[in-house]
């Protein structure tokens, strides 16, 4: 049975009224158990692209600052966790709980608005966080292993920020491209998810109408 949003005055007497949480569980169960996987491909898999994009953005940012500060293999593996792995997981969790929930419940009346929201959160988790954490992580490793002549942030904060800013400027065009790509990807993922939900909802309504005619 397809869920429908109605005004209080439009609700039939025999209707089953669900809370938002129960409606989300009900709709999610239908989508997860839908027999035709091609209909729900976007809903099931598209958000994984956000994690992949974030993960590789973190790798790029990490490698850039590590190379510039001559860190070689010092702390390489441990640096990927806060720069790539955690932001990638955050991308999926944030999108699923803030964007996909509204898509499943059809809470939005403006498709561009929900896509813009998805883009905003993805650029935060998939771009801003990796590019903020990467230089900070490299900075701590530089002071630990003494691979670059870097002043301490507590003593010469302006000089440290100038050095970090200078390294970022070298890749500003690439970084801007990554920023736009993350935003575009989030918008596309949200579109694919919305399309999956719409397909399932339309088929449920069609089946209900056919049952009514058959009766």
Protein backbone atom coordinates (compact mmCIF):
# COMPACT_ATOMS: atom_id res chain seq x y z
CA UNK A 1 0.00 0.00 0.00
CA UNK A 2 1.31 3.43 -0.95
CA UNK A 3 1.46 6.07 1.75
CA UNK A 4 -0.28 9.35 1.04
CA UNK A 5 -0.07 12.72 2.74
CA UNK A 6 -3.47 14.27 3.36
CA UNK A 7 -4.93 17.21 5.18
CA UNK A 8 -6.90 16.32 8.30
CA UNK A 9 -10.18 17.14 6.55
CA UNK A 10 -9.29 14.82 3.64
CA UNK A 11 -8.43 11.72 5.68
CA UNK A 12 -10.98 8.88 5.20
CA UNK A 13 -12.50 7.40 8.35
CA UNK A 14 -11.00 3.96 7.68
CA UNK A 15 -7.50 5.31 6.99
CA UNK A 16 -4.48 4.11 8.98
CA UNK A 17 -2.61 7.12 10.36
CA UNK A 18 1.14 6.72 10.93
CA UNK A 19 3.64 8.90 12.73
CA UNK A 20 6.55 10.23 10.69
CA UNK A 21 8.93 7.68 12.20
CA UNK A 22 6.57 4.77 11.48
CA UNK A 23 5.97 6.07 7.98
CA UNK A 24 9.74 6.17 7.38
CA UNK A 25 10.13 2.60 8.61
CA UNK A 26 7.21 1.45 6.46
CA UNK A 27 8.45 3.17 3.31
CA UNK A 28 12.03 2.03 3.84
CA UNK A 29 10.88 -1.57 4.27
CA UNK A 30 8.99 -1.41 0.98
CA UNK A 31 11.98 0.07 -0.86
CA UNK A 32 14.47 -2.38 0.65
CA UNK A 33 12.29 -5.39 -0.20
CA UNK A 34 11.12 -4.22 -3.62
CA UNK A 35 11.38 -7.19 -6.03
CA UNK A 36 12.61 -5.25 -9.07
CA UNK A 37 16.10 -4.09 -8.07
CA UNK A 38 16.39 -1.89 -11.16
CA UNK A 39 13.62 0.35 -9.79
CA UNK A 40 15.44 0.92 -6.51
CA UNK A 41 19.03 0.96 -7.79
CA UNK A 42 19.43 4.67 -7.08
CA UNK A 43 17.92 4.39 -3.61
CA UNK A 44 20.10 1.43 -2.66
CA UNK A 45 23.44 2.34 -4.20
CA UNK A 46 23.73 5.99 -5.21
CA UNK A 47 24.77 7.28 -1.78
CA UNK A 48 27.81 5.01 -1.93
CA UNK A 49 29.18 7.30 -4.64
CA UNK A 50 29.33 10.10 -2.08
CA UNK A 51 31.53 7.99 0.17
CA UNK A 52 33.83 7.08 -2.73
CA UNK A 53 34.16 10.72 -3.83
CA UNK A 54 34.91 11.84 -0.28
CA UNK A 55 37.43 9.05 0.26
CA UNK A 56 39.46 9.94 -2.82
CA UNK A 57 39.23 13.66 -2.07
CA UNK A 58 40.78 12.90 1.31
CA UNK A 59 43.54 10.87 -0.31
CA UNK A 60 44.31 13.71 -2.73
CA UNK A 61 44.41 16.36 0.01
CA UNK A 62 46.49 14.14 2.27
CA UNK A 63 49.03 13.28 -0.42
CA UNK A 64 49.39 16.92 -1.47
CA UNK A 65 50.30 18.23 1.97
CA UNK A 66 52.40 15.19 2.83
CA UNK A 67 54.44 15.66 -0.34
CA UNK A 68 54.95 19.38 0.24
CA UNK A 69 56.09 18.79 3.82
CA UNK A 70 58.34 15.83 2.86
CA UNK A 71 56.62 13.40 5.20
CA UNK A 72 57.33 10.38 2.97
CA UNK A 73 55.79 7.38 4.76
CA UNK A 74 55.76 8.83 8.27
CA UNK A 75 52.29 8.26 9.73
CA UNK A 76 50.81 7.66 6.29
CA UNK A 77 48.33 4.90 7.13
CA UNK A 78 47.13 6.50 10.36
CA UNK A 79 46.51 9.81 8.57
CA UNK A 80 43.99 8.25 6.18
CA UNK A 81 41.52 7.48 8.97
CA UNK A 82 40.61 11.09 9.94
CA UNK A 83 41.12 12.50 6.43
CA UNK A 84 39.49 9.87 4.20
CA UNK A 85 37.70 7.09 6.08
CA UNK A 86 35.79 9.08 8.71
CA UNK A 87 34.63 11.85 6.30
CA UNK A 88 33.52 9.17 3.81
CA UNK A 89 31.38 7.52 6.48
CA UNK A 90 30.06 10.93 7.54
CA UNK A 91 29.04 11.70 3.95
CA UNK A 92 26.79 8.66 3.81
CA UNK A 93 25.35 9.08 7.31
CA UNK A 94 24.60 12.79 6.89
CA UNK A 95 23.04 12.29 3.47
CA UNK A 96 20.96 9.34 4.60
CA UNK A 97 19.62 11.01 7.75
CA UNK A 98 19.13 14.56 6.50
CA UNK A 99 18.44 14.24 2.77
CA UNK A 100 17.30 10.71 1.95
CA UNK A 101 14.82 10.65 4.83
CA UNK A 102 12.98 13.63 3.34
CA UNK A 103 13.10 12.04 -0.11
CA UNK A 104 11.55 8.79 1.17
CA UNK A 105 8.82 10.66 3.06
CA UNK A 106 8.27 13.08 0.16
CA UNK A 107 8.56 16.03 2.54
CA UNK A 108 9.91 18.46 -0.03
CA UNK A 109 7.90 20.45 -2.56
CA UNK A 110 10.97 21.94 -4.28
CA UNK A 111 13.31 19.40 -5.96
CA UNK A 112 16.02 22.02 -6.45
CA UNK A 113 15.89 22.86 -2.74
CA UNK A 114 16.49 19.27 -1.62
CA UNK A 115 19.28 18.90 -4.19
CA UNK A 116 20.87 22.13 -2.98
CA UNK A 117 20.71 20.89 0.60
CA UNK A 118 22.37 17.63 -0.44
CA UNK A 119 25.09 19.57 -2.27
CA UNK A 120 25.72 21.79 0.75
CA UNK A 121 26.18 18.90 3.17
CA UNK A 122 28.30 16.92 0.71
CA UNK A 123 30.69 19.80 0.10
CA UNK A 124 31.00 20.12 3.87
CA UNK A 125 31.77 16.46 4.58
CA UNK A 126 33.39 15.64 1.24
CA UNK A 127 35.51 18.73 0.68
CA UNK A 128 35.78 21.13 3.62
CA UNK A 129 36.53 18.53 6.29
CA UNK A 130 39.25 16.64 4.32
CA UNK A 131 40.94 19.89 3.26
CA UNK A 132 40.87 21.18 6.83
CA UNK A 133 42.04 18.00 8.51
CA UNK A 134 44.80 17.18 5.98
CA UNK A 135 47.05 20.21 6.72
CA UNK A 136 46.40 19.92 10.46
CA UNK A 137 47.39 16.25 10.40
CA UNK A 138 50.48 17.01 8.33
CA UNK A 139 51.39 19.84 10.67
CA UNK A 140 51.37 17.54 13.69
CA UNK A 141 53.50 14.96 11.86
CA UNK A 142 55.97 17.62 10.71
CA UNK A 143 56.62 18.67 14.30
CA UNK A 144 56.92 15.07 15.38
CA UNK A 145 59.34 13.88 12.68
CA UNK A 146 61.01 17.23 11.81
CA UNK A 147 60.73 16.83 8.03
CA UNK A 148 60.06 20.51 7.26
CA UNK A 149 61.10 23.82 8.79
CA UNK A 150 57.70 24.67 10.24
CA UNK A 151 57.23 27.06 13.18
CA UNK A 152 54.88 26.07 15.98
CA UNK A 153 51.31 27.29 15.66
CA UNK A 154 51.28 28.47 19.27
CA UNK A 155 54.35 30.68 18.71
CA UNK A 156 53.96 31.97 15.14
CA UNK A 157 50.36 31.34 14.06
CA UNK A 158 50.40 33.85 11.19
CA UNK A 159 53.51 32.35 9.63
CA UNK A 160 52.07 28.84 9.91
CA UNK A 161 48.83 29.95 8.27
CA UNK A 162 50.80 31.67 5.50
CA UNK A 163 52.72 28.47 4.77
CA UNK A 164 49.57 26.33 4.77
CA UNK A 165 47.71 28.89 2.67
CA UNK A 166 50.57 29.00 0.19
CA UNK A 167 50.47 25.24 -0.23
CA UNK A 168 46.71 25.32 -0.74
CA UNK A 169 46.97 28.06 -3.39
CA UNK A 170 49.10 25.74 -5.51
CA UNK A 171 46.09 23.47 -5.99
CA UNK A 172 43.29 26.04 -5.71
CA UNK A 173 42.01 25.37 -9.25
CA UNK A 174 41.94 21.62 -8.69
CA UNK A 175 40.33 22.14 -5.29
CA UNK A 176 37.64 24.34 -6.82
CA UNK A 177 36.95 21.65 -9.41
CA UNK A 178 36.63 19.05 -6.66
CA UNK A 179 34.25 21.34 -4.77
CA UNK A 180 31.99 21.71 -7.81
CA UNK A 181 32.18 17.99 -8.58
CA UNK A 182 31.12 17.11 -5.03
CA UNK A 183 28.15 19.47 -5.22
CA UNK A 184 27.10 18.16 -8.64
CA UNK A 185 27.46 14.54 -7.54
CA UNK A 186 25.29 15.11 -4.47
CA UNK A 187 22.60 16.69 -6.65
CA UNK A 188 22.69 13.76 -9.07
CA UNK A 189 22.59 11.20 -6.26
CA UNK A 190 19.54 12.91 -4.78
CA UNK A 191 17.87 12.93 -8.20
CA UNK A 192 18.51 9.20 -8.66
CA UNK A 193 17.16 8.46 -5.19
CA UNK A 194 14.05 10.56 -5.83
CA UNK A 195 13.54 8.78 -9.13
CA UNK A 196 13.68 5.38 -7.41
CA UNK A 197 11.16 6.43 -4.77
CA UNK A 198 8.86 7.87 -7.43
CA UNK A 199 8.98 4.68 -9.52
CA UNK A 200 8.05 2.49 -6.57
CA UNK A 201 5.34 4.87 -5.38
CA UNK A 202 3.82 5.08 -8.88
CA UNK A 203 3.73 1.30 -9.25
CA UNK A 204 2.12 0.90 -5.84
CA UNK A 205 -0.61 3.37 -6.77
CA UNK A 206 -1.12 1.62 -10.11
CA UNK A 207 -1.46 -1.77 -8.39
CA UNK A 208 -4.01 -0.34 -5.95
CA UNK A 209 -6.07 1.11 -8.80
CA UNK A 210 -5.99 -2.21 -10.65
CA UNK A 211 -7.18 -4.01 -7.52
CA UNK A 212 -10.05 -1.55 -7.13
CA UNK A 213 -11.14 -2.06 -10.74
CA UNK A 214 -10.86 -5.84 -10.37
CA UNK A 215 -13.04 -5.73 -7.26
